[in-house]
Amino acid sequence: MRKSLFYSYVGGKPILIIKVIDKLRYEKLDVILKFMLKDAIQKLKYFLENVKEEDEELYNKIVDVLKLFKETYEIEDISINKKIREFLVKKNILFLNPVEGILKPQSFLVWKAIKRVIE
């Protein structure tokens, strides 16, 4: 159970694995994961808020792209406008695998945040 819970939040991202293992010395796993998810949600909210203040049209396009990830973890890279795709990759919201031609959230935490923030 702990392994599947752990993986469902951090996946195979080494930096997140190290972070969780380090905190396990003094906190329970569920507390750590809930905190990390709250942090990812807030970061995504603030990112979207900043984009909306700068450029509402860009904000709407980003939200439309992120909606695609509510139901699936990976999408074909060329299904997203290049400008939006590159922007979201640079902001570490999405990860581009150019060999496979797929886009996916930067981590399972970001994916969970997208599913909770985007309506």
PDB file of N, CA and C in Angstrom:
ATOM      1  N   MET A   1       0.830  -1.200   0.000  1.00  0.00           N
ATOM      2  CA  MET A   1       0.000   0.000   0.000  1.00  0.00           C
ATOM      3  C   MET A   1       0.866   1.253   0.000  1.00  0.00           C
ATOM      4  N   ARG A   2       1.879   1.291   0.867  1.00  0.00           N
ATOM      5  CA  ARG A   2       2.735   2.482   0.944  1.00  0.00           C
ATOM      6  C   ARG A   2       3.475   2.710  -0.366  1.00  0.00           C
ATOM      7  N   LYS A   3       3.925   1.622  -1.002  1.00  0.00           N
ATOM      8  CA  LYS A   3       4.649   1.758  -2.263  1.00  0.00           C
ATOM      9  C   LYS A   3       3.749   2.336  -3.347  1.00  0.00           C
ATOM     10  N   SER A   4       2.522   1.845  -3.435  1.00  0.00           N
ATOM     11  CA  SER A   4       1.623   2.349  -4.472  1.00  0.00           C
ATOM     12  C   SER A   4       1.214   3.794  -4.188  1.00  0.00           C
ATOM     13  N   LEU A   5       1.008   4.133  -2.929  1.00  0.00           N
ATOM     14  CA  LEU A   5       0.693   5.516  -2.561  1.00  0.00           C
ATOM     15  C   LEU A   5       1.873   6.418  -2.907  1.00  0.00           C
ATOM     16  N   PHE A   6       3.047   5.995  -2.512  1.00  0.00           N
ATOM     17  CA  PHE A   6       4.285   6.734  -2.789  1.00  0.00           C
ATOM     18  C   PHE A   6       4.425   6.982  -4.289  1.00  0.00           C
ATOM     19  N   TYR A   7       4.303   5.913  -5.078  1.00  0.00           N
ATOM     20  CA  TYR A   7       4.477   6.017  -6.524  1.00  0.00           C
ATOM     21  C   TYR A   7       3.399   6.883  -7.166  1.00  0.00           C
ATOM     22  N   SER A   8       2.177   6.820  -6.662  1.00  0.00           N
ATOM     23  CA  SER A   8       1.089   7.593  -7.262  1.00  0.00           C
ATOM     24  C   SER A   8       1.285   9.095  -7.096  1.00  0.00           C
ATOM     25  N   TYR A   9       2.142   9.499  -6.188  1.00  0.00           N
ATOM     26  CA  TYR A   9       2.425  10.923  -5.991  1.00  0.00           C
ATOM     27  C   TYR A   9       3.735  11.353  -6.643  1.00  0.00           C
ATOM     28  N   VAL A  10       4.793  10.597  -6.423  1.00  0.00           N
ATOM     29  CA  VAL A  10       6.108  11.049  -6.896  1.00  0.00           C
ATOM     30  C   VAL A  10       6.611  10.301  -8.122  1.00  0.00           C
ATOM     31  N   GLY A  11       6.014   9.166  -8.454  1.00  0.00           N
ATOM     32  CA  GLY A  11       6.467   8.419  -9.616  1.00  0.00           C
ATOM     33  C   GLY A  11       7.934   8.053  -9.481  1.00  0.00           C
ATOM     34  N   GLY A  12       8.680   8.224 -10.548  1.00  0.00           N
ATOM     35  CA  GLY A  12      10.092   7.865 -10.532  1.00  0.00           C
ATOM     36  C   GLY A  12      11.033   9.057 -10.522  1.00  0.00           C
ATOM     37  N   LYS A  13      10.519  10.235 -10.175  1.00  0.00           N
ATOM     38  CA  LYS A  13      11.376  11.436 -10.164  1.00  0.00           C
ATOM     39  C   LYS A  13      12.350  11.370  -8.995  1.00  0.00           C
ATOM     40  N   PRO A  14      13.639  11.210  -9.277  1.00  0.00           N
ATOM     41  CA  PRO A  14      14.633  11.051  -8.206  1.00  0.00           C
ATOM     42  C   PRO A  14      14.607  12.160  -7.154  1.00  0.00           C
ATOM     43  N   ILE A  15      14.465  13.401  -7.568  1.00  0.00           N
ATOM     44  CA  ILE A  15      14.495  14.504  -6.604  1.00  0.00           C
ATOM     45  C   ILE A  15      13.327  14.409  -5.626  1.00  0.00           C
ATOM     46  N   LEU A  16      12.161  14.007  -6.122  1.00  0.00           N
ATOM     47  CA  LEU A  16      11.001  13.873  -5.240  1.00  0.00           C
ATOM     48  C   LEU A  16      11.143  12.655  -4.330  1.00  0.00           C
ATOM     49  N   ILE A  17      11.706  11.581  -4.859  1.00  0.00           N
ATOM     50  CA  ILE A  17      11.927  10.381  -4.048  1.00  0.00           C
ATOM     51  C   ILE A  17      12.857  10.710  -2.883  1.00  0.00           C
ATOM     52  N   ILE A  18      13.949  11.392  -3.178  1.00  0.00           N
ATOM     53  CA  ILE A  18      14.910  11.768  -2.130  1.00  0.00           C
ATOM     54  C   ILE A  18      14.253  12.670  -1.096  1.00  0.00           C
ATOM     55  N   LYS A  19      13.467  13.624  -1.568  1.00  0.00           N
ATOM     56  CA  LYS A  19      12.786  14.563  -0.667  1.00  0.00           C
ATOM     57  C   LYS A  19      11.865  13.817   0.302  1.00  0.00           C
ATOM     58  N   VAL A  20      11.079  12.896  -0.234  1.00  0.00           N
ATOM     59  CA  VAL A  20      10.145  12.140   0.606  1.00  0.00           C
ATOM     60  C   VAL A  20      10.905  11.244   1.583  1.00  0.00           C
ATOM     61  N   ILE A  21      11.890  10.525   1.101  1.00  0.00           N
ATOM     62  CA  ILE A  21      12.655   9.624   1.972  1.00  0.00           C
ATOM     63  C   ILE A  21      13.312  10.403   3.103  1.00  0.00           C
ATOM     64  N   ASP A  22      13.846  11.570   2.796  1.00  0.00           N
ATOM     65  CA  ASP A  22      14.468  12.405   3.821  1.00  0.00           C
ATOM     66  C   ASP A  22      13.448  12.815   4.889  1.00  0.00           C
ATOM     67  N   LYS A  23      12.266  13.207   4.469  1.00  0.00           N
ATOM     68  CA  LYS A  23      11.243  13.663   5.422  1.00  0.00           C
ATOM     69  C   LYS A  23      10.608  12.516   6.206  1.00  0.00           C
ATOM     70  N   LEU A  24      10.720  11.295   5.690  1.00  0.00           N
ATOM     71  CA  LEU A  24      10.141  10.139   6.383  1.00  0.00           C
ATOM     72  C   LEU A  24      10.785   9.895   7.747  1.00  0.00           C
ATOM     73  N   ARG A  25      11.919  10.491   7.979  1.00  0.00           N
ATOM     74  CA  ARG A  25      12.582  10.331   9.277  1.00  0.00           C
ATOM     75  C   ARG A  25      11.775  10.970  10.403  1.00  0.00           C
ATOM     76  N   TYR A  26      10.987  11.983  10.075  1.00  0.00           N
ATOM     77  CA  TYR A  26      10.271  12.695  11.137  1.00  0.00           C
ATOM     78  C   TYR A  26       8.808  12.997  10.821  1.00  0.00           C
ATOM     79  N   GLU A  27       8.293  12.528   9.676  1.00  0.00           N
ATOM     80  CA  GLU A  27       6.887  12.722   9.337  1.00  0.00           C
ATOM     81  C   GLU A  27       6.329  11.457   8.706  1.00  0.00           C
ATOM     82  N   LYS A  28       5.009  11.311   8.792  1.00  0.00           N
ATOM     83  CA  LYS A  28       4.339  10.168   8.171  1.00  0.00           C
ATOM     84  C   LYS A  28       4.190  10.413   6.670  1.00  0.00           C
ATOM     85  N   LEU A  29       4.185   9.316   5.925  1.00  0.00           N
ATOM     86  CA  LEU A  29       4.127   9.391   4.470  1.00  0.00           C
ATOM     87  C   LEU A  29       2.914  10.172   3.989  1.00  0.00           C
ATOM     88  N   ASP A  30       1.740   9.881   4.522  1.00  0.00           N
ATOM     89  CA  ASP A  30       0.542  10.566   4.035  1.00  0.00           C
ATOM     90  C   ASP A  30       0.596  12.069   4.297  1.00  0.00           C
ATOM     91  N   VAL A  31       1.193  12.479   5.400  1.00  0.00           N
ATOM     92  CA  VAL A  31       1.338  13.904   5.720  1.00  0.00           C
ATOM     93  C   VAL A  31       2.280  14.570   4.713  1.00  0.00           C
ATOM     94  N   ILE A  32       3.376  13.912   4.413  1.00  0.00           N
ATOM     95  CA  ILE A  32       4.356  14.440   3.456  1.00  0.00           C
ATOM     96  C   ILE A  32       3.718  14.595   2.077  1.00  0.00           C
ATOM     97  N   LEU A  33       3.032  13.554   1.624  1.00  0.00           N
ATOM     98  CA  LEU A  33       2.445  13.579   0.286  1.00  0.00           C
ATOM     99  C   LEU A  33       1.335  14.613   0.175  1.00  0.00           C
ATOM    100  N   LYS A  34       0.520  14.742   1.214  1.00  0.00           N
ATOM    101  CA  LYS A  34      -0.539  15.762   1.203  1.00  0.00           C
ATOM    102  C   LYS A  34       0.062  17.158   1.129  1.00  0.00           C
ATOM    103  N   PHE A  35       1.127  17.388   1.879  1.00  0.00           N
ATOM    104  CA  PHE A  35       1.797  18.690   1.840  1.00  0.00           C
ATOM    105  C   PHE A  35       2.367  18.968   0.447  1.00  0.00           C
ATOM    106  N   MET A  36       3.019  17.968  -0.127  1.00  0.00           N
ATOM    107  CA  MET A  36       3.613  18.144  -1.455  1.00  0.00           C
ATOM    108  C   MET A  36       2.542  18.437  -2.505  1.00  0.00           C
ATOM    109  N   LEU A  37       1.393  17.775  -2.389  1.00  0.00           N
ATOM    110  CA  LEU A  37       0.307  18.022  -3.331  1.00  0.00           C
ATOM    111  C   LEU A  37      -0.251  19.433  -3.148  1.00  0.00           C
ATOM    112  N   LYS A  38      -0.453  19.848  -1.905  1.00  0.00           N
ATOM    113  CA  LYS A  38      -0.933  21.214  -1.653  1.00  0.00           C
ATOM    114  C   LYS A  38       0.031  22.235  -2.241  1.00  0.00           C
ATOM    115  N   ASP A  39       1.318  21.992  -2.075  1.00  0.00           N
ATOM    116  CA  ASP A  39       2.341  22.885  -2.616  1.00  0.00           C
ATOM    117  C   ASP A  39       2.254  22.947  -4.145  1.00  0.00           C
ATOM    118  N   ALA A  40       2.114  21.801  -4.785  1.00  0.00           N
ATOM    119  CA  ALA A  40       2.013  21.760  -6.250  1.00  0.00           C
ATOM    120  C   ALA A  40       0.752  22.472  -6.730  1.00  0.00           C
ATOM    121  N   ILE A  41      -0.344  22.300  -6.005  1.00  0.00           N
ATOM    122  CA  ILE A  41      -1.601  22.968  -6.359  1.00  0.00           C
ATOM    123  C   ILE A  41      -1.434  24.481  -6.270  1.00  0.00           C
ATOM    124  N   GLN A  42      -0.854  24.948  -5.181  1.00  0.00           N
ATOM    125  CA  GLN A  42      -0.677  26.394  -5.001  1.00  0.00           C
ATOM    126  C   GLN A  42       0.259  26.969  -6.056  1.00  0.00           C
ATOM    127  N   LYS A  43       1.331  26.267  -6.365  1.00  0.00           N
ATOM    128  CA  LYS A  43       2.254  26.747  -7.398  1.00  0.00           C
ATOM    129  C   LYS A  43       1.541  26.867  -8.744  1.00  0.00           C
ATOM    130  N   LEU A  44       0.707  25.883  -9.075  1.00  0.00           N
ATOM    131  CA  LEU A  44      -0.035  25.932 -10.334  1.00  0.00           C
ATOM    132  C   LEU A  44      -1.036  27.081 -10.322  1.00  0.00           C
ATOM    133  N   LYS A  45      -1.729  27.274  -9.211  1.00  0.00           N
ATOM    134  CA  LYS A  45      -2.687  28.385  -9.108  1.00  0.00           C
ATOM    135  C   LYS A  45      -1.994  29.729  -9.302  1.00  0.00           C
ATOM    136  N   TYR A  46      -0.858  29.913  -8.638  1.00  0.00           N
ATOM    137  CA  TYR A  46      -0.132  31.179  -8.749  1.00  0.00           C
ATOM    138  C   TYR A  46       0.418  31.384 -10.158  1.00  0.00           C
ATOM    139  N   PHE A  47       0.894  30.312 -10.759  1.00  0.00           N
ATOM    140  CA  PHE A  47       1.364  30.383 -12.142  1.00  0.00           C
ATOM    141  C   PHE A  47       0.233  30.854 -13.052  1.00  0.00           C
ATOM    142  N   LEU A  48      -0.936  30.231 -12.927  1.00  0.00           N
ATOM    143  CA  LEU A  48      -2.074  30.597 -13.767  1.00  0.00           C
ATOM    144  C   LEU A  48      -2.541  32.026 -13.491  1.00  0.00           C
ATOM    145  N   GLU A  49      -2.531  32.413 -12.235  1.00  0.00           N
ATOM    146  CA  GLU A  49      -2.920  33.780 -11.875  1.00  0.00           C
ATOM    147  C   GLU A  49      -1.978  34.797 -12.536  1.00  0.00           C
ATOM    148  N   ASN A  50      -0.691  34.532 -12.482  1.00  0.00           N
ATOM    149  CA  ASN A  50       0.288  35.433 -13.100  1.00  0.00           C
ATOM    150  C   ASN A  50       0.092  35.523 -14.609  1.00  0.00           C
ATOM    151  N   VAL A  51      -0.134  34.388 -15.245  1.00  0.00           N
ATOM    152  CA  VAL A  51      -0.353  34.383 -16.693  1.00  0.00           C
ATOM    153  C   VAL A  51      -1.606  35.177 -17.028  1.00  0.00           C
ATOM    154  N   LYS A  52      -2.662  34.979 -16.260  1.00  0.00           N
ATOM    155  CA  LYS A  52      -3.930  35.670 -16.526  1.00  0.00           C
ATOM    156  C   LYS A  52      -3.771  37.183 -16.405  1.00  0.00           C
ATOM    157  N   GLU A  53      -3.015  37.630 -15.412  1.00  0.00           N
ATOM    158  CA  GLU A  53      -2.783  39.069 -15.242  1.00  0.00           C
ATOM    159  C   GLU A  53      -1.978  39.648 -16.403  1.00  0.00           C
ATOM    160  N   GLU A  54      -1.068  38.862 -16.948  1.00  0.00           N
ATOM    161  CA  GLU A  54      -0.217  39.327 -18.050  1.00  0.00           C
ATOM    162  C   GLU A  54      -0.934  39.282 -19.399  1.00  0.00           C
ATOM    163  N   ASP A  55      -1.652  38.167 -19.642  1.00  0.00           N
ATOM    164  CA  ASP A  55      -2.222  37.946 -20.976  1.00  0.00           C
ATOM    165  C   ASP A  55      -3.391  36.956 -20.868  1.00  0.00           C
ATOM    166  N   GLU A  56      -4.604  37.489 -20.858  1.00  0.00           N
ATOM    167  CA  GLU A  56      -5.774  36.628 -20.657  1.00  0.00           C
ATOM    168  C   GLU A  56      -5.979  35.642 -21.808  1.00  0.00           C
ATOM    169  N   GLU A  57      -5.632  36.038 -23.012  1.00  0.00           N
ATOM    170  CA  GLU A  57      -5.767  35.128 -24.151  1.00  0.00           C
ATOM    171  C   GLU A  57      -4.827  33.927 -23.993  1.00  0.00           C
ATOM    172  N   LEU A  58      -3.594  34.194 -23.589  1.00  0.00           N
ATOM    173  CA  LEU A  58      -2.636  33.117 -23.331  1.00  0.00           C
ATOM    174  C   LEU A  58      -3.138  32.226 -22.195  1.00  0.00           C
ATOM    175  N   TYR A  59      -3.664  32.838 -21.158  1.00  0.00           N
ATOM    176  CA  TYR A  59      -4.224  32.091 -20.026  1.00  0.00           C
ATOM    177  C   TYR A  59      -5.290  31.108 -20.509  1.00  0.00           C
ATOM    178  N   ASN A  60      -6.219  31.579 -21.327  1.00  0.00           N
ATOM    179  CA  ASN A  60      -7.304  30.717 -21.819  1.00  0.00           C
ATOM    180  C   ASN A  60      -6.762  29.554 -22.646  1.00  0.00           C
ATOM    181  N   LYS A  61      -5.739  29.827 -23.445  1.00  0.00           N
ATOM    182  CA  LYS A  61      -5.130  28.758 -24.248  1.00  0.00           C
ATOM    183  C   LYS A  61      -4.443  27.726 -23.350  1.00  0.00           C
ATOM    184  N   ILE A  62      -3.768  28.202 -22.321  1.00  0.00           N
ATOM    185  CA  ILE A  62      -3.088  27.296 -21.385  1.00  0.00           C
ATOM    186  C   ILE A  62      -4.096  26.425 -20.652  1.00  0.00           C
ATOM    187  N   VAL A  63      -5.168  27.028 -20.191  1.00  0.00           N
ATOM    188  CA  VAL A  63      -6.209  26.261 -19.491  1.00  0.00           C
ATOM    189  C   VAL A  63      -6.792  25.201 -20.424  1.00  0.00           C
ATOM    190  N   ASP A  64      -7.036  25.568 -21.676  1.00  0.00           N
ATOM    191  CA  ASP A  64      -7.559  24.594 -22.642  1.00  0.00           C
ATOM    192  C   ASP A  64      -6.596  23.418 -22.820  1.00  0.00           C
ATOM    193  N   VAL A  65      -5.308  23.703 -22.869  1.00  0.00           N
ATOM    194  CA  VAL A  65      -4.305  22.638 -22.999  1.00  0.00           C
ATOM    195  C   VAL A  65      -4.294  21.771 -21.744  1.00  0.00           C
ATOM    196  N   LEU A  66      -4.289  22.395 -20.582  1.00  0.00           N
ATOM    197  CA  LEU A  66      -4.232  21.628 -19.332  1.00  0.00           C
ATOM    198  C   LEU A  66      -5.476  20.767 -19.138  1.00  0.00           C
ATOM    199  N   LYS A  67      -6.600  21.191 -19.688  1.00  0.00           N
ATOM    200  CA  LYS A  67      -7.827  20.381 -19.608  1.00  0.00           C
ATOM    201  C   LYS A  67      -7.634  19.022 -20.281  1.00  0.00           C
ATOM    202  N   LEU A  68      -6.772  18.981 -21.281  1.00  0.00           N
ATOM    203  CA  LEU A  68      -6.507  17.717 -21.977  1.00  0.00           C
ATOM    204  C   LEU A  68      -5.918  16.670 -21.033  1.00  0.00           C
ATOM    205  N   PHE A  69      -5.259  17.126 -19.976  1.00  0.00           N
ATOM    206  CA  PHE A  69      -4.594  16.215 -19.044  1.00  0.00           C
ATOM    207  C   PHE A  69      -5.489  15.778 -17.887  1.00  0.00           C
ATOM    208  N   LYS A  70      -6.712  16.223 -17.861  1.00  0.00           N
ATOM    209  CA  LYS A  70      -7.614  15.791 -16.790  1.00  0.00           C
ATOM    210  C   LYS A  70      -7.952  14.306 -16.922  1.00  0.00           C
ATOM    211  N   GLU A  71      -7.983  13.825 -18.146  1.00  0.00           N
ATOM    212  CA  GLU A  71      -8.390  12.438 -18.386  1.00  0.00           C
ATOM    213  C   GLU A  71      -7.239  11.520 -18.785  1.00  0.00           C
ATOM    214  N   THR A  72      -6.135  12.103 -19.218  1.00  0.00           N
ATOM    215  CA  THR A  72      -5.025  11.282 -19.688  1.00  0.00           C
ATOM    216  C   THR A  72      -3.694  11.872 -19.233  1.00  0.00           C
ATOM    217  N   TYR A  73      -2.708  11.022 -19.074  1.00  0.00           N
ATOM    218  CA  TYR A  73      -1.400  11.461 -18.582  1.00  0.00           C
ATOM    219  C   TYR A  73      -0.480  11.914 -19.709  1.00  0.00           C
ATOM    220  N   GLU A  74      -0.651  11.362 -20.902  1.00  0.00           N
ATOM    221  CA  GLU A  74       0.215  11.692 -22.032  1.00  0.00           C
ATOM    222  C   GLU A  74      -0.626  12.075 -23.238  1.00  0.00           C
ATOM    223  N   ILE A  75      -0.106  13.050 -23.996  1.00  0.00           N
ATOM    224  CA  ILE A  75      -0.754  13.408 -25.255  1.00  0.00           C
ATOM    225  C   ILE A  75       0.321  13.595 -26.321  1.00  0.00           C
ATOM    226  N   GLU A  76      -0.096  13.547 -27.566  1.00  0.00           N
ATOM    227  CA  GLU A  76       0.842  13.751 -28.666  1.00  0.00           C
ATOM    228  C   GLU A  76       1.311  15.204 -28.663  1.00  0.00           C
ATOM    229  N   ASP A  77       2.607  15.405 -28.796  1.00  0.00           N
ATOM    230  CA  ASP A  77       3.171  16.758 -28.696  1.00  0.00           C
ATOM    231  C   ASP A  77       2.611  17.728 -29.725  1.00  0.00           C
ATOM    232  N   ILE A  78       2.445  17.291 -30.961  1.00  0.00           N
ATOM    233  CA  ILE A  78       1.990  18.216 -31.997  1.00  0.00           C
ATOM    234  C   ILE A  78       0.498  18.531 -31.911  1.00  0.00           C
ATOM    235  N   SER A  79      -0.196  17.927 -30.961  1.00  0.00           N
ATOM    236  CA  SER A  79      -1.612  18.259 -30.778  1.00  0.00           C
ATOM    237  C   SER A  79      -1.781  19.594 -30.051  1.00  0.00           C
ATOM    238  N   ILE A  80      -0.668  20.161 -29.590  1.00  0.00           N
ATOM    239  CA  ILE A  80      -0.693  21.436 -28.875  1.00  0.00           C
ATOM    240  C   ILE A  80       0.111  22.462 -29.665  1.00  0.00           C
ATOM    241  N   ASN A  81      -0.415  23.658 -29.742  1.00  0.00           N
ATOM    242  CA  ASN A  81       0.262  24.779 -30.386  1.00  0.00           C
ATOM    243  C   ASN A  81       1.701  24.878 -29.880  1.00  0.00           C
ATOM    244  N   LYS A  82       2.642  25.061 -30.792  1.00  0.00           N
ATOM    245  CA  LYS A  82       4.071  25.062 -30.445  1.00  0.00           C
ATOM    246  C   LYS A  82       4.412  26.116 -29.394  1.00  0.00           C
ATOM    247  N   LYS A  83       3.873  27.310 -29.533  1.00  0.00           N
ATOM    248  CA  LYS A  83       4.165  28.390 -28.583  1.00  0.00           C
ATOM    249  C   LYS A  83       3.711  28.010 -27.170  1.00  0.00           C
ATOM    250  N   ILE A  84       2.522  27.463 -27.063  1.00  0.00           N
ATOM    251  CA  ILE A  84       1.972  27.062 -25.759  1.00  0.00           C
ATOM    252  C   ILE A  84       2.769  25.888 -25.203  1.00  0.00           C
ATOM    253  N   ARG A  85       3.054  24.923 -26.065  1.00  0.00           N
ATOM    254  CA  ARG A  85       3.825  23.737 -25.666  1.00  0.00           C
ATOM    255  C   ARG A  85       5.184  24.148 -25.097  1.00  0.00           C
ATOM    256  N   GLU A  86       5.904  24.991 -25.819  1.00  0.00           N
ATOM    257  CA  GLU A  86       7.227  25.426 -25.365  1.00  0.00           C
ATOM    258  C   GLU A  86       7.146  26.239 -24.077  1.00  0.00           C
ATOM    259  N   PHE A  87       6.130  27.078 -23.962  1.00  0.00           N
ATOM    260  CA  PHE A  87       5.954  27.888 -22.757  1.00  0.00           C
ATOM    261  C   PHE A  87       5.739  26.996 -21.533  1.00  0.00           C
ATOM    262  N   LEU A  88       4.863  26.007 -21.655  1.00  0.00           N
ATOM    263  CA  LEU A  88       4.565  25.122 -20.526  1.00  0.00           C
ATOM    264  C   LEU A  88       5.747  24.217 -20.181  1.00  0.00           C
ATOM    265  N   VAL A  89       6.537  23.859 -21.164  1.00  0.00           N
ATOM    266  CA  VAL A  89       7.743  23.069 -20.895  1.00  0.00           C
ATOM    267  C   VAL A  89       8.774  23.935 -20.171  1.00  0.00           C
ATOM    268  N   LYS A  90       8.971  25.163 -20.636  1.00  0.00           N
ATOM    269  CA  LYS A  90       9.935  26.072 -19.993  1.00  0.00           C
ATOM    270  C   LYS A  90       9.550  26.386 -18.552  1.00  0.00           C
ATOM    271  N   LYS A  91       8.256  26.416 -18.275  1.00  0.00           N
ATOM    272  CA  LYS A  91       7.771  26.719 -16.927  1.00  0.00           C
ATOM    273  C   LYS A  91       7.690  25.471 -16.044  1.00  0.00           C
ATOM    274  N   ASN A  92       8.176  24.340 -16.560  1.00  0.00           N
ATOM    275  CA  ASN A  92       8.195  23.061 -15.831  1.00  0.00           C
ATOM    276  C   ASN A  92       6.810  22.568 -15.425  1.00  0.00           C
ATOM    277  N   ILE A  93       5.823  22.891 -16.239  1.00  0.00           N
ATOM    278  CA  ILE A  93       4.483  22.344 -16.034  1.00  0.00           C
ATOM    279  C   ILE A  93       4.379  21.027 -16.807  1.00  0.00           C
ATOM    280  N   LEU A  94       4.888  21.038 -18.034  1.00  0.00           N
ATOM    281  CA  LEU A  94       4.860  19.846 -18.874  1.00  0.00           C
ATOM    282  C   LEU A  94       6.277  19.390 -19.202  1.00  0.00           C
ATOM    283  N   PHE A  95       6.382  18.113 -19.535  1.00  0.00           N
ATOM    284  CA  PHE A  95       7.643  17.507 -19.957  1.00  0.00           C
ATOM    285  C   PHE A  95       7.467  17.014 -21.386  1.00  0.00           C
ATOM    286  N   LEU A  96       8.401  17.352 -22.249  1.00  0.00           N
ATOM    287  CA  LEU A  96       8.367  16.914 -23.639  1.00  0.00           C
ATOM    288  C   LEU A  96       9.372  15.793 -23.846  1.00  0.00           C
ATOM    289  N   ASN A  97       8.884  14.678 -24.362  1.00  0.00           N
ATOM    290  CA  ASN A  97       9.764  13.592 -24.786  1.00  0.00           C
ATOM    291  C   ASN A  97       9.804  13.655 -26.312  1.00  0.00           C
ATOM    292  N   PRO A  98      10.830  14.301 -26.882  1.00  0.00           N
ATOM    293  CA  PRO A  98      10.859  14.492 -28.332  1.00  0.00           C
ATOM    294  C   PRO A  98      11.057  13.198 -29.120  1.00  0.00           C
ATOM    295  N   VAL A  99      11.675  12.214 -28.517  1.00  0.00           N
ATOM    296  CA  VAL A  99      11.888  10.938 -29.205  1.00  0.00           C
ATOM    297  C   VAL A  99      10.557  10.219 -29.412  1.00  0.00           C
ATOM    298  N   GLU A 100       9.733  10.210 -28.375  1.00  0.00           N
ATOM    299  CA  GLU A 100       8.425   9.551 -28.445  1.00  0.00           C
ATOM    300  C   GLU A 100       7.347  10.467 -29.017  1.00  0.00           C
ATOM    301  N   GLY A 101       7.618  11.777 -29.010  1.00  0.00           N
ATOM    302  CA  GLY A 101       6.627  12.735 -29.504  1.00  0.00           C
ATOM    303  C   GLY A 101       5.452  12.892 -28.561  1.00  0.00           C
ATOM    304  N   ILE A 102       5.746  12.846 -27.249  1.00  0.00           N
ATOM    305  CA  ILE A 102       4.662  12.975 -26.274  1.00  0.00           C
ATOM    306  C   ILE A 102       4.943  14.098 -25.275  1.00  0.00           C
ATOM    307  N   LEU A 103       3.860  14.626 -24.761  1.00  0.00           N
ATOM    308  CA  LEU A 103       3.893  15.594 -23.672  1.00  0.00           C
ATOM    309  C   LEU A 103       3.181  14.978 -22.494  1.00  0.00           C
ATOM    310  N   LYS A 104       3.708  15.249 -21.307  1.00  0.00           N
ATOM    311  CA  LYS A 104       3.044  14.798 -20.095  1.00  0.00           C
ATOM    312  C   LYS A 104       3.384  15.786 -18.986  1.00  0.00           C
ATOM    313  N   PRO A 105       2.614  15.782 -17.919  1.00  0.00           N
ATOM    314  CA  PRO A 105       2.946  16.669 -16.802  1.00  0.00           C
ATOM    315  C   PRO A 105       4.352  16.371 -16.284  1.00  0.00           C
ATOM    316  N   GLN A 106       4.988  17.386 -15.731  1.00  0.00           N
ATOM    317  CA  GLN A 106       6.361  17.282 -15.244  1.00  0.00           C
ATOM    318  C   GLN A 106       6.524  16.170 -14.201  1.00  0.00           C
ATOM    319  N   SER A 107       5.470  15.895 -13.445  1.00  0.00           N
ATOM    320  CA  SER A 107       5.500  14.836 -12.431  1.00  0.00           C
ATOM    321  C   SER A 107       4.068  14.398 -12.139  1.00  0.00           C
ATOM    322  N   PHE A 108       3.936  13.309 -11.397  1.00  0.00           N
ATOM    323  CA  PHE A 108       2.603  12.888 -10.971  1.00  0.00           C
ATOM    324  C   PHE A 108       1.977  13.940 -10.064  1.00  0.00           C
ATOM    325  N   LEU A 109       2.795  14.622  -9.273  1.00  0.00           N
ATOM    326  CA  LEU A 109       2.277  15.696  -8.416  1.00  0.00           C
ATOM    327  C   LEU A 109       1.668  16.809  -9.259  1.00  0.00           C
ATOM    328  N   VAL A 110       2.356  17.212 -10.303  1.00  0.00           N
ATOM    329  CA  VAL A 110       1.823  18.255 -11.191  1.00  0.00           C
ATOM    330  C   VAL A 110       0.545  17.758 -11.852  1.00  0.00           C
ATOM    331  N   TRP A 111       0.518  16.492 -12.243  1.00  0.00           N
ATOM    332  CA  TRP A 111      -0.690  15.936 -12.864  1.00  0.00           C
ATOM    333  C   TRP A 111      -1.861  15.971 -11.890  1.00  0.00           C
ATOM    334  N   LYS A 112      -1.626  15.565 -10.659  1.00  0.00           N
ATOM    335  CA  LYS A 112      -2.682  15.618  -9.642  1.00  0.00           C
ATOM    336  C   LYS A 112      -3.136  17.061  -9.421  1.00  0.00           C
ATOM    337  N   ALA A 113      -2.201  17.999  -9.422  1.00  0.00           N
ATOM    338  CA  ALA A 113      -2.542  19.417  -9.248  1.00  0.00           C
ATOM    339  C   ALA A 113      -3.397  19.905 -10.415  1.00  0.00           C
ATOM    340  N   ILE A 114      -3.021  19.543 -11.626  1.00  0.00           N
ATOM    341  CA  ILE A 114      -3.798  19.935 -12.806  1.00  0.00           C
ATOM    342  C   ILE A 114      -5.226  19.432 -12.670  1.00  0.00           C
ATOM    343  N   LYS A 115      -5.387  18.176 -12.286  1.00  0.00           N
ATOM    344  CA  LYS A 115      -6.724  17.589 -12.183  1.00  0.00           C
ATOM    345  C   LYS A 115      -7.567  18.263 -11.110  1.00  0.00           C
ATOM    346  N   ARG A 116      -6.936  18.854 -10.102  1.00  0.00           N
ATOM    347  CA  ARG A 116      -7.686  19.516  -9.035  1.00  0.00           C
ATOM    348  C   ARG A 116      -7.934  20.999  -9.309  1.00  0.00           C
ATOM    349  N   VAL A 117      -7.034  21.637 -10.039  1.00  0.00           N
ATOM    350  CA  VAL A 117      -7.138  23.083 -10.263  1.00  0.00           C
ATOM    351  C   VAL A 117      -7.977  23.415 -11.498  1.00  0.00           C
ATOM    352  N   ILE A 118      -7.805  22.656 -12.557  1.00  0.00           N
ATOM    353  CA  ILE A 118      -8.475  22.961 -13.826  1.00  0.00           C
ATOM    354  C   ILE A 118      -9.890  22.389 -13.810  1.00  0.00           C
ATOM    355  N   GLU A 119     -10.835  23.261 -14.114  1.00  0.00           N
ATOM    356  CA  GLU A 119     -12.251  22.827 -14.111  1.00  0.00           C
ATOM    357  C   GLU A 119     -12.726  22.485 -15.494  1.00  0.00           C
TER     358      GLU A 119
END
